[in-house]
Amino acid sequence: MNIKVRSGDTLWYYSNLFNLPLALILDSNPQVNPSGLMIGQTVTIPGYQTSNYTIQSGDTFWKIASQRRLSVDALALLNPDVSPRQLQVGQTIRVPVRVTYRVVDGNQPYDYQLLLRDLKDLTEIYPFIRTETIGKSVMGKDLTELQIGRGNKVVHWNGSFHANEWITTAVIMQFLNDYLLALTNRETIRGLDINPYYDQVTISLVPMVDPDGVNLVLNGPPEGAFGDEALRINKGNTDFSGWKANIRGVDLNNQYPAKWEVEA
């Protein structure tokens, strides 16, 4: 959710106005100088979206804000050109909506296209997520790393090294969504206050290491040379549910100098 800076506003004020940790607002706006805010400058507020509301007879900013447990000034901030004393029936205003629900549904076949959709939604709602393309698959799909947090301690997770273990991506993404919800709503996970972890730990995630293989398992062989070769390796069988490798038949989990060729 984007807002425009007014005279006298500070990021600390926005933190209190929207009940968000200041660190999340700072990290959502790395290009903003907190001590040099300029009137009219755009600031992104994480964990919120906006919806349109049509003014009804008898409405006031106070009534609308009270019904949604918002500050009246939150409405004023999102509607700088609207006069609260001159609301007109049928007029449309913007209303901030706190995101309190998952956007990730991990209880479904979770392919690369679904991952991309969820990454787009999450990074829009939670812009303090840092993303980097760390490589590409054989078929040219981006391999994305996500980082969340400020801590020196780094915890790394990755999923779908094996194509038929695509459920690991779904689990990672759903946990990530829950973690982000806990951060922005000041909630706990299994009784643990999550916000201190943001300052203490940096979480690094590569949700899907083998997107070509995952799509092969879930959607079948693609048209063209890569699909033809996968079918040849699979002896013409179009059922790839047991396929662990990438699109070329290479098991990515064995590609380390760990003396895999030495039998125990």
C-alpha atoms as a PDB file:
ATOM      1  CA  MET A   1       0.000   0.000   0.000  1.00  0.00           C
ATOM      2  CA  ASN A   2       1.443   3.348  -1.050  1.00  0.00           C
ATOM      3  CA  ILE A   3       0.817   6.641   0.714  1.00  0.00           C
ATOM      4  CA  LYS A   4       2.057  10.193   0.163  1.00  0.00           C
ATOM      5  CA  VAL A   5       4.060  12.033   2.810  1.00  0.00           C
ATOM      6  CA  ARG A   6       2.414  15.086   4.382  1.00  0.00           C
ATOM      7  CA  SER A   7       3.941  17.919   6.320  1.00  0.00           C
ATOM      8  CA  GLY A   8       5.096  16.653   9.728  1.00  0.00           C
ATOM      9  CA  ASP A   9       4.852  12.952   8.889  1.00  0.00           C
ATOM     10  CA  THR A  10       7.578  10.518   9.935  1.00  0.00           C
ATOM     11  CA  LEU A  11       8.115   6.813   9.426  1.00  0.00           C
ATOM     12  CA  TRP A  12       7.788   6.409  13.181  1.00  0.00           C
ATOM     13  CA  TYR A  13       4.343   8.024  12.975  1.00  0.00           C
ATOM     14  CA  TYR A  14       3.328   5.590  10.221  1.00  0.00           C
ATOM     15  CA  SER A  15       4.582   2.723  12.374  1.00  0.00           C
ATOM     16  CA  ASN A  16       2.199   3.769  15.142  1.00  0.00           C
ATOM     17  CA  LEU A  17      -0.653   4.728  12.831  1.00  0.00           C
ATOM     18  CA  PHE A  18      -0.716   1.283  11.193  1.00  0.00           C
ATOM     19  CA  ASN A  19       0.555  -0.695  14.208  1.00  0.00           C
ATOM     20  CA  LEU A  20       3.605  -2.051  12.373  1.00  0.00           C
ATOM     21  CA  PRO A  21       7.204  -2.573  13.514  1.00  0.00           C
ATOM     22  CA  LEU A  22       9.289   0.366  12.322  1.00  0.00           C
ATOM     23  CA  ALA A  23      11.935  -1.988  10.900  1.00  0.00           C
ATOM     24  CA  LEU A  24       9.436  -3.411   8.412  1.00  0.00           C
ATOM     25  CA  ILE A  25       8.560   0.057   7.113  1.00  0.00           C
ATOM     26  CA  LEU A  26      12.230   1.033   6.877  1.00  0.00           C
ATOM     27  CA  ASP A  27      13.114  -2.131   4.964  1.00  0.00           C
ATOM     28  CA  SER A  28      10.118  -1.713   2.662  1.00  0.00           C
ATOM     29  CA  ASN A  29      11.485   1.685   1.636  1.00  0.00           C
ATOM     30  CA  PRO A  30      15.254   1.316   1.202  1.00  0.00           C
ATOM     31  CA  GLN A  31      15.337   4.322  -1.152  1.00  0.00           C
ATOM     32  CA  VAL A  32      13.766   6.630   1.460  1.00  0.00           C
ATOM     33  CA  ASN A  33      15.861   8.746   3.834  1.00  0.00           C
ATOM     34  CA  PRO A  34      13.944   8.507   7.148  1.00  0.00           C
ATOM     35  CA  SER A  35      15.321  11.834   8.367  1.00  0.00           C
ATOM     36  CA  GLY A  36      14.669  13.615   5.090  1.00  0.00           C
ATOM     37  CA  LEU A  37      11.093  12.847   4.104  1.00  0.00           C
ATOM     38  CA  MET A  38       9.707  15.191   1.468  1.00  0.00           C
ATOM     39  CA  ILE A  39       6.092  16.283   1.112  1.00  0.00           C
ATOM     40  CA  GLY A  40       4.472  14.256  -1.664  1.00  0.00           C
ATOM     41  CA  GLN A  41       7.084  11.494  -1.491  1.00  0.00           C
ATOM     42  CA  THR A  42       5.735   7.943  -1.855  1.00  0.00           C
ATOM     43  CA  VAL A  43       6.159   5.571   1.087  1.00  0.00           C
ATOM     44  CA  THR A  44       5.136   1.912   0.981  1.00  0.00           C
ATOM     45  CA  ILE A  45       3.309   0.451   3.977  1.00  0.00           C
ATOM     46  CA  PRO A  46       3.775  -3.347   4.216  1.00  0.00           C
ATOM     47  CA  GLY A  47       1.046  -5.762   5.204  1.00  0.00           C
ATOM     48  CA  TYR A  48      -1.754  -3.568   3.866  1.00  0.00           C
ATOM     49  CA  GLN A  49      -3.789  -3.307   0.698  1.00  0.00           C
ATOM     50  CA  THR A  50      -6.423  -0.764  -0.277  1.00  0.00           C
ATOM     51  CA  SER A  51     -10.038  -1.148  -1.261  1.00  0.00           C
ATOM     52  CA  ASN A  52     -12.542   1.341  -2.601  1.00  0.00           C
ATOM     53  CA  TYR A  53     -15.543   2.334  -0.524  1.00  0.00           C
ATOM     54  CA  THR A  54     -18.617   4.177  -1.767  1.00  0.00           C
ATOM     55  CA  ILE A  55     -19.979   6.790   0.621  1.00  0.00           C
ATOM     56  CA  GLN A  56     -23.457   6.047   1.960  1.00  0.00           C
ATOM     57  CA  SER A  57     -25.969   8.403   3.553  1.00  0.00           C
ATOM     58  CA  GLY A  58     -24.901   9.255   7.101  1.00  0.00           C
ATOM     59  CA  ASP A  59     -21.256   8.262   6.619  1.00  0.00           C
ATOM     60  CA  THR A  60     -18.418  10.159   8.232  1.00  0.00           C
ATOM     61  CA  PHE A  61     -14.701   9.432   8.351  1.00  0.00           C
ATOM     62  CA  TRP A  62     -15.107   8.630  12.040  1.00  0.00           C
ATOM     63  CA  LYS A  63     -17.913   6.136  11.376  1.00  0.00           C
ATOM     64  CA  ILE A  64     -16.068   4.424   8.529  1.00  0.00           C
ATOM     65  CA  ALA A  65     -12.837   4.231  10.528  1.00  0.00           C
ATOM     66  CA  SER A  66     -14.577   2.954  13.679  1.00  0.00           C
ATOM     67  CA  GLN A  67     -16.307   0.157  11.779  1.00  0.00           C
ATOM     68  CA  ARG A  68     -12.915  -1.037  10.547  1.00  0.00           C
ATOM     69  CA  ARG A  69     -10.915  -0.339  13.702  1.00  0.00           C
ATOM     70  CA  LEU A  70      -8.837   2.238  11.884  1.00  0.00           C
ATOM     71  CA  SER A  71      -7.561   5.649  12.853  1.00  0.00           C
ATOM     72  CA  VAL A  72      -9.435   8.517  11.237  1.00  0.00           C
ATOM     73  CA  ASP A  73      -6.049   9.856  10.156  1.00  0.00           C
ATOM     74  CA  ALA A  74      -5.374   6.620   8.239  1.00  0.00           C
ATOM     75  CA  LEU A  75      -8.369   7.495   6.061  1.00  0.00           C
ATOM     76  CA  ALA A  76      -7.230  11.092   5.756  1.00  0.00           C
ATOM     77  CA  LEU A  77      -3.754   9.941   4.720  1.00  0.00           C
ATOM     78  CA  LEU A  78      -5.118   7.784   1.897  1.00  0.00           C
ATOM     79  CA  ASN A  79      -7.582  10.436   0.736  1.00  0.00           C
ATOM     80  CA  PRO A  80      -5.673  13.723   0.781  1.00  0.00           C
ATOM     81  CA  ASP A  81      -8.028  15.377  -1.750  1.00  0.00           C
ATOM     82  CA  VAL A  82     -11.221  14.442   0.109  1.00  0.00           C
ATOM     83  CA  SER A  83     -12.791  16.845   2.584  1.00  0.00           C
ATOM     84  CA  PRO A  84     -14.125  14.833   5.564  1.00  0.00           C
ATOM     85  CA  ARG A  85     -16.743  17.545   6.194  1.00  0.00           C
ATOM     86  CA  GLN A  86     -18.070  17.486   2.647  1.00  0.00           C
ATOM     87  CA  LEU A  87     -18.581  13.800   1.872  1.00  0.00           C
ATOM     88  CA  GLN A  88     -21.052  13.142  -0.921  1.00  0.00           C
ATOM     89  CA  VAL A  89     -23.281  10.064  -1.269  1.00  0.00           C
ATOM     90  CA  GLY A  90     -21.827   7.937  -4.065  1.00  0.00           C
ATOM     91  CA  GLN A  91     -18.345   9.381  -3.645  1.00  0.00           C
ATOM     92  CA  THR A  92     -15.509   6.822  -3.682  1.00  0.00           C
ATOM     93  CA  ILE A  93     -12.698   6.830  -1.133  1.00  0.00           C
ATOM     94  CA  ARG A  94      -9.720   4.546  -0.521  1.00  0.00           C
ATOM     95  CA  VAL A  95      -9.709   2.451   2.649  1.00  0.00           C
ATOM     96  CA  PRO A  96      -6.643   0.675   4.079  1.00  0.00           C
ATOM     97  CA  VAL A  97      -7.165  -3.056   4.602  1.00  0.00           C
ATOM     98  CA  ARG A  98      -4.827  -4.998   6.850  1.00  0.00           C
ATOM     99  CA  VAL A  99      -3.847  -8.349   5.328  1.00  0.00           C
ATOM    100  CA  THR A 100      -4.676 -11.021   7.896  1.00  0.00           C
ATOM    101  CA  TYR A 101      -5.139 -14.010   5.592  1.00  0.00           C
ATOM    102  CA  ARG A 102      -2.910 -16.330   3.602  1.00  0.00           C
ATOM    103  CA  VAL A 103      -2.449 -15.688  -0.084  1.00  0.00           C
ATOM    104  CA  VAL A 104      -0.548 -18.976  -0.470  1.00  0.00           C
ATOM    105  CA  ASP A 105      -2.526 -22.214  -0.688  1.00  0.00           C
ATOM    106  CA  GLY A 106      -0.080 -25.079  -0.363  1.00  0.00           C
ATOM    107  CA  ASN A 107      -2.786 -27.741  -0.451  1.00  0.00           C
ATOM    108  CA  GLN A 108      -2.698 -28.206  -4.207  1.00  0.00           C
ATOM    109  CA  PRO A 109      -0.295 -29.359  -6.937  1.00  0.00           C
ATOM    110  CA  TYR A 110       2.326 -26.623  -6.682  1.00  0.00           C
ATOM    111  CA  ASP A 111       4.046 -25.985 -10.008  1.00  0.00           C
ATOM    112  CA  TYR A 112       6.350 -23.206 -11.195  1.00  0.00           C
ATOM    113  CA  GLN A 113       3.528 -21.007 -12.481  1.00  0.00           C
ATOM    114  CA  LEU A 114       1.803 -21.112  -9.098  1.00  0.00           C
ATOM    115  CA  LEU A 115       5.085 -20.267  -7.392  1.00  0.00           C
ATOM    116  CA  LEU A 116       5.551 -17.201  -9.615  1.00  0.00           C
ATOM    117  CA  ARG A 117       2.019 -16.001  -8.870  1.00  0.00           C
ATOM    118  CA  ASP A 118       2.496 -16.351  -5.115  1.00  0.00           C
ATOM    119  CA  LEU A 119       5.932 -14.683  -5.206  1.00  0.00           C
ATOM    120  CA  LYS A 120       4.414 -11.712  -7.031  1.00  0.00           C
ATOM    121  CA  ASP A 121       1.584 -11.393  -4.495  1.00  0.00           C
ATOM    122  CA  LEU A 122       3.841 -11.754  -1.456  1.00  0.00           C
ATOM    123  CA  THR A 123       6.483  -9.282  -2.620  1.00  0.00           C
ATOM    124  CA  GLU A 124       3.770  -6.714  -3.378  1.00  0.00           C
ATOM    125  CA  ILE A 125       2.169  -7.045   0.052  1.00  0.00           C
ATOM    126  CA  TYR A 126       5.468  -7.462   1.943  1.00  0.00           C
ATOM    127  CA  PRO A 127       8.056  -5.332   0.106  1.00  0.00           C
ATOM    128  CA  PHE A 128      10.653  -5.870   2.836  1.00  0.00           C
ATOM    129  CA  ILE A 129      11.256  -9.261   1.184  1.00  0.00           C
ATOM    130  CA  ARG A 130      14.502  -9.079  -0.773  1.00  0.00           C
ATOM    131  CA  THR A 131      14.649 -11.115  -3.984  1.00  0.00           C
ATOM    132  CA  GLU A 132      17.518 -12.113  -6.244  1.00  0.00           C
ATOM    133  CA  THR A 133      17.727 -14.327  -9.306  1.00  0.00           C
ATOM    134  CA  ILE A 134      20.601 -16.666  -8.477  1.00  0.00           C
ATOM    135  CA  GLY A 135      20.530 -18.701 -11.672  1.00  0.00           C
ATOM    136  CA  LYS A 136      18.369 -20.265 -14.335  1.00  0.00           C
ATOM    137  CA  SER A 137      17.065 -23.753 -14.959  1.00  0.00           C
ATOM    138  CA  VAL A 138      17.944 -25.762 -18.073  1.00  0.00           C
ATOM    139  CA  MET A 139      14.810 -24.381 -19.752  1.00  0.00           C
ATOM    140  CA  GLY A 140      15.557 -20.808 -18.686  1.00  0.00           C
ATOM    141  CA  LYS A 141      13.291 -20.437 -15.664  1.00  0.00           C
ATOM    142  CA  ASP A 142      14.502 -18.015 -12.987  1.00  0.00           C
ATOM    143  CA  LEU A 143      15.778 -19.561  -9.752  1.00  0.00           C
ATOM    144  CA  THR A 144      14.762 -17.037  -7.106  1.00  0.00           C
ATOM    145  CA  GLU A 145      16.216 -16.557  -3.644  1.00  0.00           C
ATOM    146  CA  LEU A 146      14.195 -14.682  -1.015  1.00  0.00           C
ATOM    147  CA  GLN A 147      15.695 -13.070   2.074  1.00  0.00           C
ATOM    148  CA  ILE A 148      13.762 -11.818   5.085  1.00  0.00           C
ATOM    149  CA  GLY A 149      15.283 -10.271   8.185  1.00  0.00           C
ATOM    150  CA  ARG A 150      18.277  -8.309   9.423  1.00  0.00           C
ATOM    151  CA  GLY A 151      20.170 -10.808  11.558  1.00  0.00           C
ATOM    152  CA  ASN A 152      23.764 -11.948  11.197  1.00  0.00           C
ATOM    153  CA  LYS A 153      22.591 -15.512  11.722  1.00  0.00           C
ATOM    154  CA  VAL A 154      21.464 -16.893   8.348  1.00  0.00           C
ATOM    155  CA  VAL A 155      19.095 -19.853   8.084  1.00  0.00           C
ATOM    156  CA  HIS A 156      18.761 -21.298   4.578  1.00  0.00           C
ATOM    157  CA  TRP A 157      15.980 -23.521   3.267  1.00  0.00           C
ATOM    158  CA  ASN A 158      15.422 -24.849  -0.204  1.00  0.00           C
ATOM    159  CA  GLY A 159      12.759 -27.020  -1.785  1.00  0.00           C
ATOM    160  CA  SER A 160      12.145 -29.290  -4.747  1.00  0.00           C
ATOM    161  CA  PHE A 161      15.711 -30.475  -5.294  1.00  0.00           C
ATOM    162  CA  HIS A 162      13.898 -33.645  -6.324  1.00  0.00           C
ATOM    163  CA  ALA A 163      11.128 -32.959  -8.817  1.00  0.00           C
ATOM    164  CA  ASN A 164       8.654 -35.422  -7.289  1.00  0.00           C
ATOM    165  CA  GLU A 165       9.162 -33.770  -3.893  1.00  0.00           C
ATOM    166  CA  TRP A 166       7.411 -30.577  -5.050  1.00  0.00           C
ATOM    167  CA  ILE A 167       5.402 -30.573  -1.824  1.00  0.00           C
ATOM    168  CA  THR A 168       8.507 -29.157  -0.103  1.00  0.00           C
ATOM    169  CA  THR A 169       7.998 -25.950  -2.087  1.00  0.00           C
ATOM    170  CA  ALA A 170       4.368 -25.748  -1.003  1.00  0.00           C
ATOM    171  CA  VAL A 171       5.366 -26.242   2.654  1.00  0.00           C
ATOM    172  CA  ILE A 172       8.089 -23.572   2.454  1.00  0.00           C
ATOM    173  CA  MET A 173       5.814 -21.043   0.774  1.00  0.00           C
ATOM    174  CA  GLN A 174       2.951 -21.575   3.201  1.00  0.00           C
ATOM    175  CA  PHE A 175       5.294 -21.236   6.185  1.00  0.00           C
ATOM    176  CA  LEU A 176       6.760 -18.081   4.638  1.00  0.00           C
ATOM    177  CA  ASN A 177       3.259 -16.640   4.334  1.00  0.00           C
ATOM    178  CA  ASP A 178       2.534 -17.458   7.992  1.00  0.00           C
ATOM    179  CA  TYR A 179       5.847 -15.887   9.063  1.00  0.00           C
ATOM    180  CA  LEU A 180       5.065 -12.685   7.157  1.00  0.00           C
ATOM    181  CA  LEU A 181       1.574 -12.546   8.656  1.00  0.00           C
ATOM    182  CA  ALA A 182       3.007 -12.941  12.136  1.00  0.00           C
ATOM    183  CA  LEU A 183       5.533 -10.143  11.550  1.00  0.00           C
ATOM    184  CA  THR A 184       3.027  -7.616  10.213  1.00  0.00           C
ATOM    185  CA  ASN A 185       0.188  -8.484  12.591  1.00  0.00           C
ATOM    186  CA  ARG A 186       2.371  -8.865  15.694  1.00  0.00           C
ATOM    187  CA  GLU A 187       1.204 -12.443  16.120  1.00  0.00           C
ATOM    188  CA  THR A 188       2.890 -15.511  17.545  1.00  0.00           C
ATOM    189  CA  ILE A 189       3.735 -18.832  15.936  1.00  0.00           C
ATOM    190  CA  ARG A 190       3.414 -21.764  18.332  1.00  0.00           C
ATOM    191  CA  GLY A 191       3.515 -19.293  21.205  1.00  0.00           C
ATOM    192  CA  LEU A 192       6.705 -17.574  20.035  1.00  0.00           C
ATOM    193  CA  ASP A 193       6.859 -13.818  19.507  1.00  0.00           C
ATOM    194  CA  ILE A 194       8.148 -13.612  15.947  1.00  0.00           C
ATOM    195  CA  ASN A 195       9.239  -9.972  15.687  1.00  0.00           C
ATOM    196  CA  PRO A 196      12.556 -10.387  17.576  1.00  0.00           C
ATOM    197  CA  TYR A 197      13.585 -12.999  15.024  1.00  0.00           C
ATOM    198  CA  TYR A 198      13.439 -10.363  12.277  1.00  0.00           C
ATOM    199  CA  ASP A 199      16.347  -8.513  13.906  1.00  0.00           C
ATOM    200  CA  GLN A 200      18.233 -11.637  14.958  1.00  0.00           C
ATOM    201  CA  VAL A 201      17.943 -13.937  11.933  1.00  0.00           C
ATOM    202  CA  THR A 202      18.062 -13.604   8.152  1.00  0.00           C
ATOM    203  CA  ILE A 203      15.998 -16.302   6.463  1.00  0.00           C
ATOM    204  CA  SER A 204      17.214 -17.319   3.001  1.00  0.00           C
ATOM    205  CA  LEU A 205      14.817 -19.327   0.841  1.00  0.00           C
ATOM    206  CA  VAL A 206      15.113 -20.895  -2.588  1.00  0.00           C
ATOM    207  CA  PRO A 207      11.619 -22.370  -2.817  1.00  0.00           C
ATOM    208  CA  MET A 208      12.038 -24.354  -6.037  1.00  0.00           C
ATOM    209  CA  VAL A 209      15.482 -25.574  -7.137  1.00  0.00           C
ATOM    210  CA  ASP A 210      14.212 -27.766  -9.995  1.00  0.00           C
ATOM    211  CA  PRO A 211      11.265 -25.965 -11.663  1.00  0.00           C
ATOM    212  CA  ASP A 212      11.641 -27.830 -14.957  1.00  0.00           C
ATOM    213  CA  GLY A 213      11.429 -31.168 -13.163  1.00  0.00           C
ATOM    214  CA  VAL A 214       8.499 -30.091 -11.006  1.00  0.00           C
ATOM    215  CA  ASN A 215       6.522 -29.032 -14.060  1.00  0.00           C
ATOM    216  CA  LEU A 216       7.422 -32.317 -15.738  1.00  0.00           C
ATOM    217  CA  VAL A 217       6.077 -34.305 -12.779  1.00  0.00           C
ATOM    218  CA  LEU A 218       2.895 -32.264 -12.387  1.00  0.00           C
ATOM    219  CA  ASN A 219       2.086 -31.251 -15.956  1.00  0.00           C
ATOM    220  CA  GLY A 220       3.736 -33.870 -18.135  1.00  0.00           C
ATOM    221  CA  PRO A 221       6.462 -33.485 -20.754  1.00  0.00           C
ATOM    222  CA  PRO A 222       6.681 -30.144 -22.558  1.00  0.00           C
ATOM    223  CA  GLU A 223       6.548 -29.972 -26.318  1.00  0.00           C
ATOM    224  CA  GLY A 224       9.892 -29.966 -28.090  1.00  0.00           C
ATOM    225  CA  ALA A 225      13.320 -31.471 -27.622  1.00  0.00           C
ATOM    226  CA  PHE A 226      13.377 -31.371 -23.828  1.00  0.00           C
ATOM    227  CA  GLY A 227      10.083 -33.222 -23.562  1.00  0.00           C
ATOM    228  CA  ASP A 228      11.130 -35.741 -26.205  1.00  0.00           C
ATOM    229  CA  GLU A 229      14.371 -36.499 -24.362  1.00  0.00           C
ATOM    230  CA  ALA A 230      12.556 -36.870 -21.034  1.00  0.00           C
ATOM    231  CA  LEU A 231      10.161 -39.350 -22.651  1.00  0.00           C
ATOM    232  CA  ARG A 232      13.083 -41.301 -24.075  1.00  0.00           C
ATOM    233  CA  ILE A 233      14.752 -41.502 -20.643  1.00  0.00           C
ATOM    234  CA  ASN A 234      11.408 -42.539 -19.133  1.00  0.00           C
ATOM    235  CA  LYS A 235      11.091 -45.284 -21.778  1.00  0.00           C
ATOM    236  CA  GLY A 236       8.088 -43.650 -23.413  1.00  0.00           C
ATOM    237  CA  ASN A 237       6.045 -43.591 -20.216  1.00  0.00           C
ATOM    238  CA  THR A 238       4.107 -40.335 -19.830  1.00  0.00           C
ATOM    239  CA  ASP A 239       3.723 -40.892 -16.062  1.00  0.00           C
ATOM    240  CA  PHE A 240       6.541 -38.890 -14.444  1.00  0.00           C
ATOM    241  CA  SER A 241       5.182 -39.067 -10.883  1.00  0.00           C
ATOM    242  CA  GLY A 242       8.295 -40.911  -9.709  1.00  0.00           C
ATOM    243  CA  TRP A 243      10.746 -38.624 -11.543  1.00  0.00           C
ATOM    244  CA  LYS A 244      13.380 -37.126  -9.226  1.00  0.00           C
ATOM    245  CA  ALA A 245      15.714 -35.458 -11.706  1.00  0.00           C
ATOM    246  CA  ASN A 246      15.738 -32.269 -13.729  1.00  0.00           C
ATOM    247  CA  ILE A 247      14.459 -32.115 -17.310  1.00  0.00           C
ATOM    248  CA  ARG A 248      17.713 -33.695 -18.550  1.00  0.00           C
ATOM    249  CA  GLY A 249      17.508 -36.635 -16.186  1.00  0.00           C
ATOM    250  CA  VAL A 250      20.189 -35.286 -13.825  1.00  0.00           C
ATOM    251  CA  ASP A 251      19.582 -35.812 -10.093  1.00  0.00           C
ATOM    252  CA  LEU A 252      20.494 -32.378  -8.707  1.00  0.00           C
ATOM    253  CA  ASN A 253      20.843 -33.711  -5.183  1.00  0.00           C
ATOM    254  CA  ASN A 254      23.862 -35.794  -6.211  1.00  0.00           C
ATOM    255  CA  GLN A 255      25.846 -32.997  -7.841  1.00  0.00           C
ATOM    256  CA  TYR A 256      28.194 -32.211  -4.955  1.00  0.00           C
ATOM    257  CA  PRO A 257      31.829 -33.268  -4.392  1.00  0.00           C
ATOM    258  CA  ALA A 258      30.721 -35.623  -1.624  1.00  0.00           C
ATOM    259  CA  LYS A 259      32.162 -38.879  -3.013  1.00  0.00           C
ATOM    260  CA  TRP A 260      28.734 -40.144  -4.073  1.00  0.00           C
ATOM    261  CA  GLU A 261      30.485 -42.790  -6.140  1.00  0.00           C
ATOM    262  CA  VAL A 262      31.905 -44.382  -2.975  1.00  0.00           C
ATOM    263  CA  GLU A 263      29.501 -46.983  -1.619  1.00  0.00           C
ATOM    264  CA  ALA A 264      29.202 -47.400   2.140  1.00  0.00           C
END
